[in-house]
Amino acid sequence: MRVLVIGATGAQGGAVARRLAGQGHEVRGFSRTPAAVPPGVSPFPGDLGDAARVKEAFAGVTHAAVLLPMVYDAATVSAYVRHVIDGARAAGVRRLVFNTGNRLPGTVTGVAAFETRRHAAAALLGSGVPTVVLRPPIYADNLLAPWVRGAGVVRYPLPAGLAVPWLPHAGLAAATAAALTRDGLDGATLDVGGPDTVTGPELAALFGPDVRYEEMDVAEFEAGLARVAGARMAAEVAATYRWIRDDFSRAGGPARDGGGFFGTAGDVQERLGVRIGGVRDWVRGLA
């Protein structure tokens, strides 16, 4: 399998590229910063806004894993997706896996980080390119941010009672690699997640019996993110957390057993044919 990984130098795309290379596949990493691709991955410098360069990146590949950069301008994202579709069609790609980067609400929200990915997924599924869409929840690796964890506390901008199937980047990589090759998945949209669905206090307890959970104010989270990612991107990401917080309030509280915004179908691992590690294993691995 010759795989193009778009976004191979980011945290999510890098995990996917490493997984595929480790499985012995020929991996081409498309990125604006190609020097940072993982070991075993062939760098391919380019920008998704350059249609010709994107088509060149697809030449000769059989499969593709696509994660869009954290850009939320509708026209820009539409152009990126159009270039991906044109490149994949020209190359005769056998399977493309698109990672939306987050769960998508069932109704239109006006939140750009949701809606641009909703339109991207629809365009790819309707393109004629065999496509699988993966919609992850919150990444466990987000908990490594210095403004999230402190002495005896885990602070995150989610309601304490909201149960989340936190997904490590390694779990995303496992799901993506499986989705690229598993029979019978063309046209599927899968809400992937880890096997451990935990509330805020349950999450904190994984780090130790004396660790407590605090719901961080979204504005504080946004400020921390802005220091490393820029104000514009931080504002768009923060808008998703505000929507999630308000949706939890509208729903009237906790939902488990596959319900709520972060519900995950119980047969996802079976459909993918792979074990997806969860936040419990991830926390143990930090020790």
C-alpha atoms as a PDB file:
ATOM      1  CA  MET A   1       0.000   0.000   0.000  1.00  0.00           C
ATOM      2  CA  ARG A   2       1.348   3.416  -0.993  1.00  0.00           C
ATOM      3  CA  VAL A   3      -0.274   6.000   1.262  1.00  0.00           C
ATOM      4  CA  LEU A   4      -0.355   9.771   1.103  1.00  0.00           C
ATOM      5  CA  VAL A   5      -0.789  11.301   4.572  1.00  0.00           C
ATOM      6  CA  ILE A   6      -1.904  14.911   4.372  1.00  0.00           C
ATOM      7  CA  GLY A   7      -0.888  16.720   7.534  1.00  0.00           C
ATOM      8  CA  ALA A   8       1.894  14.258   8.351  1.00  0.00           C
ATOM      9  CA  THR A   9       3.857  16.651  10.569  1.00  0.00           C
ATOM     10  CA  GLY A  10       0.979  17.481  12.922  1.00  0.00           C
ATOM     11  CA  ALA A  11       0.218  15.597  16.113  1.00  0.00           C
ATOM     12  CA  GLN A  12      -2.674  13.621  14.598  1.00  0.00           C
ATOM     13  CA  GLY A  13      -1.318  13.135  11.094  1.00  0.00           C
ATOM     14  CA  GLY A  14       2.122  12.319  12.460  1.00  0.00           C
ATOM     15  CA  ALA A  15       0.673   9.523  14.581  1.00  0.00           C
ATOM     16  CA  VAL A  16      -1.079   8.124  11.507  1.00  0.00           C
ATOM     17  CA  ALA A  17       2.073   8.340   9.387  1.00  0.00           C
ATOM     18  CA  ARG A  18       4.153   6.599  12.060  1.00  0.00           C
ATOM     19  CA  ARG A  19       1.617   3.803  12.396  1.00  0.00           C
ATOM     20  CA  LEU A  20       1.477   3.173   8.654  1.00  0.00           C
ATOM     21  CA  ALA A  21       5.253   3.304   8.230  1.00  0.00           C
ATOM     22  CA  GLY A  22       5.632   0.939  11.175  1.00  0.00           C
ATOM     23  CA  GLN A  23       3.309  -1.506   9.427  1.00  0.00           C
ATOM     24  CA  GLY A  24       5.658  -1.538   6.441  1.00  0.00           C
ATOM     25  CA  HIS A  25       3.635   0.625   4.074  1.00  0.00           C
ATOM     26  CA  GLU A  26       5.208   3.162   1.737  1.00  0.00           C
ATOM     27  CA  VAL A  27       4.181   6.497   3.227  1.00  0.00           C
ATOM     28  CA  ARG A  28       4.416   9.934   1.657  1.00  0.00           C
ATOM     29  CA  GLY A  29       3.984  12.835   4.063  1.00  0.00           C
ATOM     30  CA  PHE A  30       2.441  16.004   2.637  1.00  0.00           C
ATOM     31  CA  SER A  31       3.211  19.088   4.683  1.00  0.00           C
ATOM     32  CA  ARG A  32       4.318  22.703   4.540  1.00  0.00           C
ATOM     33  CA  THR A  33       7.123  21.706   6.936  1.00  0.00           C
ATOM     34  CA  PRO A  34       8.405  18.458   5.356  1.00  0.00           C
ATOM     35  CA  ALA A  35      11.586  18.299   7.447  1.00  0.00           C
ATOM     36  CA  ALA A  36       9.424  17.339  10.436  1.00  0.00           C
ATOM     37  CA  VAL A  37       7.858  14.177   8.978  1.00  0.00           C
ATOM     38  CA  PRO A  38       8.285  11.071  11.159  1.00  0.00           C
ATOM     39  CA  PRO A  39      11.117   8.594  10.490  1.00  0.00           C
ATOM     40  CA  GLY A  40      10.366   6.200   7.656  1.00  0.00           C
ATOM     41  CA  VAL A  41       8.071   8.694   5.902  1.00  0.00           C
ATOM     42  CA  SER A  42       9.030  10.304   2.594  1.00  0.00           C
ATOM     43  CA  PRO A  43       8.567  14.080   2.833  1.00  0.00           C
ATOM     44  CA  PHE A  44       6.557  15.865   0.159  1.00  0.00           C
ATOM     45  CA  PRO A  45       6.507  19.644   0.634  1.00  0.00           C
ATOM     46  CA  GLY A  46       3.362  21.421  -0.432  1.00  0.00           C
ATOM     47  CA  ASP A  47       0.336  23.498   0.436  1.00  0.00           C
ATOM     48  CA  LEU A  48      -3.255  22.356   0.006  1.00  0.00           C
ATOM     49  CA  GLY A  49      -3.997  25.669  -1.675  1.00  0.00           C
ATOM     50  CA  ASP A  50      -1.734  24.705  -4.593  1.00  0.00           C
ATOM     51  CA  ALA A  51      -3.875  22.457  -6.813  1.00  0.00           C
ATOM     52  CA  ALA A  52      -0.997  21.350  -9.052  1.00  0.00           C
ATOM     53  CA  ARG A  53       1.183  20.439  -6.096  1.00  0.00           C
ATOM     54  CA  VAL A  54      -1.590  18.453  -4.463  1.00  0.00           C
ATOM     55  CA  LYS A  55      -2.095  16.486  -7.680  1.00  0.00           C
ATOM     56  CA  GLU A  56       1.635  15.767  -7.805  1.00  0.00           C
ATOM     57  CA  ALA A  57       1.495  14.512  -4.222  1.00  0.00           C
ATOM     58  CA  PHE A  58      -1.211  12.007  -5.132  1.00  0.00           C
ATOM     59  CA  ALA A  59       0.625  10.636  -8.170  1.00  0.00           C
ATOM     60  CA  GLY A  60       1.346   6.936  -7.727  1.00  0.00           C
ATOM     61  CA  VAL A  61      -0.396   6.468  -4.364  1.00  0.00           C
ATOM     62  CA  THR A  62      -3.095   3.879  -3.757  1.00  0.00           C
ATOM     63  CA  HIS A  63      -4.571   5.201  -0.503  1.00  0.00           C
ATOM     64  CA  ALA A  64      -4.770   8.509   1.361  1.00  0.00           C
ATOM     65  CA  ALA A  65      -5.331   9.721   4.919  1.00  0.00           C
ATOM     66  CA  VAL A  66      -6.490  13.324   5.051  1.00  0.00           C
ATOM     67  CA  LEU A  67      -6.536  15.750   7.959  1.00  0.00           C
ATOM     68  CA  LEU A  68      -7.106  19.373   7.059  1.00  0.00           C
ATOM     69  CA  PRO A  69      -5.040  22.102   8.725  1.00  0.00           C
ATOM     70  CA  MET A  70      -6.727  24.090  11.464  1.00  0.00           C
ATOM     71  CA  VAL A  71      -8.118  26.640   9.042  1.00  0.00           C
ATOM     72  CA  TYR A  72     -11.827  27.425   9.225  1.00  0.00           C
ATOM     73  CA  ASP A  73     -12.502  29.906   6.440  1.00  0.00           C
ATOM     74  CA  ALA A  74     -15.234  28.253   4.360  1.00  0.00           C
ATOM     75  CA  ALA A  75     -13.900  29.276   0.943  1.00  0.00           C
ATOM     76  CA  THR A  76     -10.356  28.220   1.799  1.00  0.00           C
ATOM     77  CA  VAL A  77     -11.424  24.844   3.139  1.00  0.00           C
ATOM     78  CA  SER A  78     -13.642  24.246   0.086  1.00  0.00           C
ATOM     79  CA  ALA A  79     -10.655  24.886  -2.181  1.00  0.00           C
ATOM     80  CA  TYR A  80      -8.497  22.500  -0.154  1.00  0.00           C
ATOM     81  CA  VAL A  81     -11.100  19.759  -0.430  1.00  0.00           C
ATOM     82  CA  ARG A  82     -11.590  20.345  -4.152  1.00  0.00           C
ATOM     83  CA  HIS A  83      -7.848  19.972  -4.715  1.00  0.00           C
ATOM     84  CA  VAL A  84      -7.793  16.752  -2.661  1.00  0.00           C
ATOM     85  CA  ILE A  85     -10.696  15.313  -4.654  1.00  0.00           C
ATOM     86  CA  ASP A  86      -9.110  16.214  -7.988  1.00  0.00           C
ATOM     87  CA  GLY A  87      -5.798  14.677  -6.958  1.00  0.00           C
ATOM     88  CA  ALA A  88      -7.373  11.507  -5.609  1.00  0.00           C
ATOM     89  CA  ARG A  89      -9.495  11.050  -8.724  1.00  0.00           C
ATOM     90  CA  ALA A  90      -6.518  11.535 -11.031  1.00  0.00           C
ATOM     91  CA  ALA A  91      -4.498   8.966  -9.095  1.00  0.00           C
ATOM     92  CA  GLY A  92      -7.329   6.430  -8.932  1.00  0.00           C
ATOM     93  CA  VAL A  93      -7.087   6.245  -5.134  1.00  0.00           C
ATOM     94  CA  ARG A  94      -8.683   3.052  -3.853  1.00  0.00           C
ATOM     95  CA  ARG A  95      -9.614   4.362  -0.401  1.00  0.00           C
ATOM     96  CA  LEU A  96      -9.426   7.772   1.254  1.00  0.00           C
ATOM     97  CA  VAL A  97      -9.918   8.216   4.993  1.00  0.00           C
ATOM     98  CA  PHE A  98     -10.950  11.694   6.121  1.00  0.00           C
ATOM     99  CA  ASN A  99     -10.570  12.703   9.756  1.00  0.00           C
ATOM    100  CA  THR A 100     -12.932  15.538  10.673  1.00  0.00           C
ATOM    101  CA  GLY A 101     -10.813  16.362  13.736  1.00  0.00           C
ATOM    102  CA  ASN A 102     -13.881  16.422  15.997  1.00  0.00           C
ATOM    103  CA  ARG A 103     -17.416  15.137  16.375  1.00  0.00           C
ATOM    104  CA  LEU A 104     -20.014  16.946  14.307  1.00  0.00           C
ATOM    105  CA  PRO A 105     -23.397  17.977  15.725  1.00  0.00           C
ATOM    106  CA  GLY A 106     -26.491  16.589  14.063  1.00  0.00           C
ATOM    107  CA  THR A 107     -27.758  20.052  13.140  1.00  0.00           C
ATOM    108  CA  VAL A 108     -26.125  23.118  11.638  1.00  0.00           C
ATOM    109  CA  THR A 109     -24.482  25.220  14.356  1.00  0.00           C
ATOM    110  CA  GLY A 110     -22.837  28.228  12.782  1.00  0.00           C
ATOM    111  CA  VAL A 111     -19.543  27.111  14.386  1.00  0.00           C
ATOM    112  CA  ALA A 112     -16.956  27.204  11.604  1.00  0.00           C
ATOM    113  CA  ALA A 113     -14.823  24.382  13.019  1.00  0.00           C
ATOM    114  CA  PHE A 114     -17.860  22.105  12.796  1.00  0.00           C
ATOM    115  CA  GLU A 115     -19.448  23.337   9.597  1.00  0.00           C
ATOM    116  CA  THR A 116     -16.359  23.451   7.387  1.00  0.00           C
ATOM    117  CA  ARG A 117     -15.658  19.827   8.297  1.00  0.00           C
ATOM    118  CA  ARG A 118     -19.282  18.864   7.752  1.00  0.00           C
ATOM    119  CA  HIS A 119     -19.148  20.262   4.210  1.00  0.00           C
ATOM    120  CA  ALA A 120     -15.741  18.684   3.584  1.00  0.00           C
ATOM    121  CA  ALA A 121     -16.999  15.249   4.630  1.00  0.00           C
ATOM    122  CA  ALA A 122     -20.082  15.564   2.423  1.00  0.00           C
ATOM    123  CA  ALA A 123     -18.000  16.639  -0.567  1.00  0.00           C
ATOM    124  CA  LEU A 124     -15.579  13.750  -0.185  1.00  0.00           C
ATOM    125  CA  LEU A 125     -18.336  11.177   0.302  1.00  0.00           C
ATOM    126  CA  GLY A 126     -20.082  12.473  -2.812  1.00  0.00           C
ATOM    127  CA  SER A 127     -16.940  12.735  -4.929  1.00  0.00           C
ATOM    128  CA  GLY A 128     -16.825   9.233  -6.343  1.00  0.00           C
ATOM    129  CA  VAL A 129     -13.555   8.585  -4.483  1.00  0.00           C
ATOM    130  CA  PRO A 130     -14.046   5.609  -2.118  1.00  0.00           C
ATOM    131  CA  THR A 131     -14.106   7.417   1.223  1.00  0.00           C
ATOM    132  CA  VAL A 132     -14.451   6.632   4.924  1.00  0.00           C
ATOM    133  CA  VAL A 133     -15.074   9.475   7.369  1.00  0.00           C
ATOM    134  CA  LEU A 134     -13.785   9.216  10.931  1.00  0.00           C
ATOM    135  CA  ARG A 135     -15.234  11.588  13.529  1.00  0.00           C
ATOM    136  CA  PRO A 136     -13.162  11.509  16.726  1.00  0.00           C
ATOM    137  CA  PRO A 137     -14.168  12.895  20.132  1.00  0.00           C
ATOM    138  CA  ILE A 138     -11.669  14.850  22.278  1.00  0.00           C
ATOM    139  CA  TYR A 139      -8.029  13.736  22.091  1.00  0.00           C
ATOM    140  CA  ALA A 140      -6.444  12.492  25.303  1.00  0.00           C
ATOM    141  CA  ASP A 141      -3.199  14.126  24.212  1.00  0.00           C
ATOM    142  CA  ASN A 142      -4.865  17.528  24.702  1.00  0.00           C
ATOM    143  CA  LEU A 143      -4.404  16.886  28.418  1.00  0.00           C
ATOM    144  CA  LEU A 144      -0.655  17.401  27.977  1.00  0.00           C
ATOM    145  CA  ALA A 145      -1.144  21.135  27.432  1.00  0.00           C
ATOM    146  CA  PRO A 146       0.593  23.028  30.261  1.00  0.00           C
ATOM    147  CA  TRP A 147      -2.520  25.070  31.071  1.00  0.00           C
ATOM    148  CA  VAL A 148      -4.628  21.925  31.578  1.00  0.00           C
ATOM    149  CA  ARG A 149      -2.925  19.865  34.278  1.00  0.00           C
ATOM    150  CA  GLY A 150      -1.416  21.106  37.522  1.00  0.00           C
ATOM    151  CA  ALA A 151      -0.502  19.759  40.930  1.00  0.00           C
ATOM    152  CA  GLY A 152      -3.434  17.637  42.065  1.00  0.00           C
ATOM    153  CA  VAL A 153      -5.837  18.921  39.422  1.00  0.00           C
ATOM    154  CA  VAL A 154      -7.039  18.323  35.871  1.00  0.00           C
ATOM    155  CA  ARG A 155      -8.694  21.386  34.369  1.00  0.00           C
ATOM    156  CA  TYR A 156     -10.517  21.255  31.037  1.00  0.00           C
ATOM    157  CA  PRO A 157     -13.308  23.302  29.400  1.00  0.00           C
ATOM    158  CA  LEU A 158     -15.909  20.536  29.578  1.00  0.00           C
ATOM    159  CA  PRO A 159     -18.704  20.123  32.142  1.00  0.00           C
ATOM    160  CA  ALA A 160     -17.707  17.794  34.972  1.00  0.00           C
ATOM    161  CA  GLY A 161     -20.680  15.501  34.326  1.00  0.00           C
ATOM    162  CA  LEU A 162     -20.084  15.113  30.589  1.00  0.00           C
ATOM    163  CA  ALA A 163     -18.930  11.572  29.756  1.00  0.00           C
ATOM    164  CA  VAL A 164     -16.281  11.515  27.014  1.00  0.00           C
ATOM    165  CA  PRO A 165     -14.625   8.543  25.233  1.00  0.00           C
ATOM    166  CA  TRP A 166     -11.223  10.279  25.117  1.00  0.00           C
ATOM    167  CA  LEU A 167      -9.160   9.064  22.165  1.00  0.00           C
ATOM    168  CA  PRO A 168      -5.345   9.025  22.210  1.00  0.00           C
ATOM    169  CA  HIS A 169      -3.563   9.934  18.979  1.00  0.00           C
ATOM    170  CA  ALA A 170      -2.303   6.353  18.853  1.00  0.00           C
ATOM    171  CA  GLY A 171      -5.921   5.167  18.868  1.00  0.00           C
ATOM    172  CA  LEU A 172      -6.738   7.496  16.010  1.00  0.00           C
ATOM    173  CA  ALA A 173      -3.779   6.074  14.100  1.00  0.00           C
ATOM    174  CA  ALA A 174      -4.977   2.513  14.677  1.00  0.00           C
ATOM    175  CA  ALA A 175      -8.496   3.398  13.510  1.00  0.00           C
ATOM    176  CA  THR A 176      -7.199   5.217  10.424  1.00  0.00           C
ATOM    177  CA  ALA A 177      -4.877   2.402   9.373  1.00  0.00           C
ATOM    178  CA  ALA A 178      -7.742  -0.087   9.722  1.00  0.00           C
ATOM    179  CA  ALA A 179     -10.197   2.146   7.854  1.00  0.00           C
ATOM    180  CA  LEU A 180      -7.813   2.349   4.913  1.00  0.00           C
ATOM    181  CA  THR A 181      -7.997  -1.382   4.247  1.00  0.00           C
ATOM    182  CA  ARG A 182     -11.032  -2.901   5.960  1.00  0.00           C
ATOM    183  CA  ASP A 183     -13.563  -4.334   3.499  1.00  0.00           C
ATOM    184  CA  GLY A 184     -17.108  -3.010   3.403  1.00  0.00           C
ATOM    185  CA  LEU A 185     -16.455   0.504   4.731  1.00  0.00           C
ATOM    186  CA  ASP A 186     -16.656   2.647   1.591  1.00  0.00           C
ATOM    187  CA  GLY A 187     -19.101   5.473   2.247  1.00  0.00           C
ATOM    188  CA  ALA A 188     -19.145   4.899   6.023  1.00  0.00           C
ATOM    189  CA  THR A 189     -19.067   7.629   8.652  1.00  0.00           C
ATOM    190  CA  LEU A 190     -17.767   6.303  11.954  1.00  0.00           C
ATOM    191  CA  ASP A 191     -17.838   8.060  15.321  1.00  0.00           C
ATOM    192  CA  VAL A 192     -14.648   6.615  16.749  1.00  0.00           C
ATOM    193  CA  GLY A 193     -13.645   6.846  20.395  1.00  0.00           C
ATOM    194  CA  GLY A 194     -11.721   5.102  23.098  1.00  0.00           C
ATOM    195  CA  PRO A 195     -13.288   2.279  25.133  1.00  0.00           C
ATOM    196  CA  ASP A 196     -13.242   4.327  28.360  1.00  0.00           C
ATOM    197  CA  THR A 197     -16.096   6.836  28.586  1.00  0.00           C
ATOM    198  CA  VAL A 198     -15.446   8.941  31.672  1.00  0.00           C
ATOM    199  CA  THR A 199     -16.734  12.083  33.332  1.00  0.00           C
ATOM    200  CA  GLY A 200     -14.409  14.825  34.517  1.00  0.00           C
ATOM    201  CA  PRO A 201     -13.980  13.462  38.072  1.00  0.00           C
ATOM    202  CA  GLU A 202     -13.471   9.935  36.692  1.00  0.00           C
ATOM    203  CA  LEU A 203     -10.819  11.293  34.333  1.00  0.00           C
ATOM    204  CA  ALA A 204      -9.026  13.063  37.171  1.00  0.00           C
ATOM    205  CA  ALA A 205      -9.079   9.891  39.281  1.00  0.00           C
ATOM    206  CA  LEU A 206      -7.067   8.097  36.602  1.00  0.00           C
ATOM    207  CA  PHE A 207      -4.161  10.410  37.442  1.00  0.00           C
ATOM    208  CA  GLY A 208      -4.346   9.590  41.151  1.00  0.00           C
ATOM    209  CA  PRO A 209      -6.791   9.236  44.040  1.00  0.00           C
ATOM    210  CA  ASP A 210      -6.179  12.786  45.240  1.00  0.00           C
ATOM    211  CA  VAL A 211      -6.480  14.477  41.839  1.00  0.00           C
ATOM    212  CA  ARG A 212      -9.608  16.558  41.346  1.00  0.00           C
ATOM    213  CA  TYR A 213     -11.357  17.872  38.247  1.00  0.00           C
ATOM    214  CA  GLU A 214     -12.190  21.506  37.598  1.00  0.00           C
ATOM    215  CA  GLU A 215     -14.203  22.826  34.683  1.00  0.00           C
ATOM    216  CA  MET A 216     -11.966  25.442  33.109  1.00  0.00           C
ATOM    217  CA  ASP A 217     -13.543  28.610  31.795  1.00  0.00           C
ATOM    218  CA  VAL A 218     -13.519  28.451  27.992  1.00  0.00           C
ATOM    219  CA  ALA A 219     -12.026  31.941  27.778  1.00  0.00           C
ATOM    220  CA  GLU A 220      -9.067  30.828  29.886  1.00  0.00           C
ATOM    221  CA  PHE A 221      -8.562  27.777  27.673  1.00  0.00           C
ATOM    222  CA  GLU A 222      -8.752  29.994  24.599  1.00  0.00           C
ATOM    223  CA  ALA A 223      -6.100  32.327  26.007  1.00  0.00           C
ATOM    224  CA  GLY A 224      -3.728  29.441  26.678  1.00  0.00           C
ATOM    225  CA  LEU A 225      -4.248  28.016  23.212  1.00  0.00           C
ATOM    226  CA  ALA A 226      -3.782  31.428  21.604  1.00  0.00           C
ATOM    227  CA  ARG A 227      -0.291  31.673  23.078  1.00  0.00           C
ATOM    228  CA  VAL A 228       0.844  28.655  21.056  1.00  0.00           C
ATOM    229  CA  ALA A 229      -1.519  28.599  18.068  1.00  0.00           C
ATOM    230  CA  GLY A 230      -2.605  32.179  17.477  1.00  0.00           C
ATOM    231  CA  ALA A 231      -5.722  34.077  18.430  1.00  0.00           C
ATOM    232  CA  ARG A 232      -7.795  33.310  15.348  1.00  0.00           C
ATOM    233  CA  MET A 233      -7.429  29.553  15.503  1.00  0.00           C
ATOM    234  CA  ALA A 234      -7.879  29.548  19.273  1.00  0.00           C
ATOM    235  CA  ALA A 235     -11.139  31.468  18.948  1.00  0.00           C
ATOM    236  CA  GLU A 236     -12.538  28.934  16.462  1.00  0.00           C
ATOM    237  CA  VAL A 237     -11.572  25.985  18.661  1.00  0.00           C
ATOM    238  CA  ALA A 238     -13.002  27.706  21.730  1.00  0.00           C
ATOM    239  CA  ALA A 239     -16.312  28.118  19.895  1.00  0.00           C
ATOM    240  CA  THR A 240     -16.620  24.321  19.699  1.00  0.00           C
ATOM    241  CA  TYR A 241     -16.181  23.996  23.467  1.00  0.00           C
ATOM    242  CA  ARG A 242     -18.791  26.675  24.092  1.00  0.00           C
ATOM    243  CA  TRP A 243     -21.206  24.795  21.839  1.00  0.00           C
ATOM    244  CA  ILE A 244     -20.490  21.517  23.654  1.00  0.00           C
ATOM    245  CA  ARG A 245     -20.998  23.178  27.050  1.00  0.00           C
ATOM    246  CA  ASP A 246     -24.278  24.731  25.966  1.00  0.00           C
ATOM    247  CA  ASP A 247     -25.474  21.497  24.349  1.00  0.00           C
ATOM    248  CA  PHE A 248     -24.800  19.631  27.601  1.00  0.00           C
ATOM    249  CA  SER A 249     -26.843  22.226  29.456  1.00  0.00           C
ATOM    250  CA  ARG A 250     -29.701  21.973  26.954  1.00  0.00           C
ATOM    251  CA  ALA A 251     -29.695  18.186  27.229  1.00  0.00           C
ATOM    252  CA  GLY A 252     -30.166  18.458  30.967  1.00  0.00           C
ATOM    253  CA  GLY A 253     -27.082  16.607  32.116  1.00  0.00           C
ATOM    254  CA  PRO A 254     -25.115  13.391  31.667  1.00  0.00           C
ATOM    255  CA  ALA A 255     -25.690  10.851  28.904  1.00  0.00           C
ATOM    256  CA  ARG A 256     -23.923   7.500  28.695  1.00  0.00           C
ATOM    257  CA  ASP A 257     -24.358   4.182  26.912  1.00  0.00           C
ATOM    258  CA  GLY A 258     -23.884   5.582  23.439  1.00  0.00           C
ATOM    259  CA  GLY A 259     -25.983   8.704  23.982  1.00  0.00           C
ATOM    260  CA  GLY A 260     -25.217  12.379  23.769  1.00  0.00           C
ATOM    261  CA  PHE A 261     -22.836  14.322  21.594  1.00  0.00           C
ATOM    262  CA  PHE A 262     -19.939  11.989  22.375  1.00  0.00           C
ATOM    263  CA  GLY A 263     -21.848   8.755  21.969  1.00  0.00           C
ATOM    264  CA  THR A 264     -19.875   6.014  20.196  1.00  0.00           C
ATOM    265  CA  ALA A 265     -21.425   2.958  18.584  1.00  0.00           C
ATOM    266  CA  GLY A 266     -20.480  -0.188  20.439  1.00  0.00           C
ATOM    267  CA  ASP A 267     -19.486  -2.019  17.262  1.00  0.00           C
ATOM    268  CA  VAL A 268     -16.917   0.498  15.938  1.00  0.00           C
ATOM    269  CA  GLN A 269     -13.900  -1.595  16.914  1.00  0.00           C
ATOM    270  CA  GLU A 270     -15.548  -4.671  15.431  1.00  0.00           C
ATOM    271  CA  ARG A 271     -16.316  -2.850  12.173  1.00  0.00           C
ATOM    272  CA  LEU A 272     -12.724  -1.657  11.943  1.00  0.00           C
ATOM    273  CA  GLY A 273     -11.282  -4.978  13.066  1.00  0.00           C
ATOM    274  CA  VAL A 274      -8.822  -3.325  15.449  1.00  0.00           C
ATOM    275  CA  ARG A 275      -8.408  -2.620  19.141  1.00  0.00           C
ATOM    276  CA  ILE A 276      -8.502   1.099  19.897  1.00  0.00           C
ATOM    277  CA  GLY A 277      -6.671   2.034  23.080  1.00  0.00           C
ATOM    278  CA  GLY A 278      -8.371   4.333  25.564  1.00  0.00           C
ATOM    279  CA  VAL A 279      -7.524   6.994  28.090  1.00  0.00           C
ATOM    280  CA  ARG A 280      -6.829   4.516  30.909  1.00  0.00           C
ATOM    281  CA  ASP A 281      -3.998   2.899  28.954  1.00  0.00           C
ATOM    282  CA  TRP A 282      -2.843   6.329  27.808  1.00  0.00           C
ATOM    283  CA  VAL A 283      -2.563   7.643  31.365  1.00  0.00           C
ATOM    284  CA  ARG A 284      -0.673   4.516  32.461  1.00  0.00           C
ATOM    285  CA  GLY A 285       1.761   5.136  29.612  1.00  0.00           C
ATOM    286  CA  LEU A 286       2.613   8.571  31.031  1.00  0.00           C
ATOM    287  CA  ALA A 287       4.090   7.040  34.170  1.00  0.00           C
END
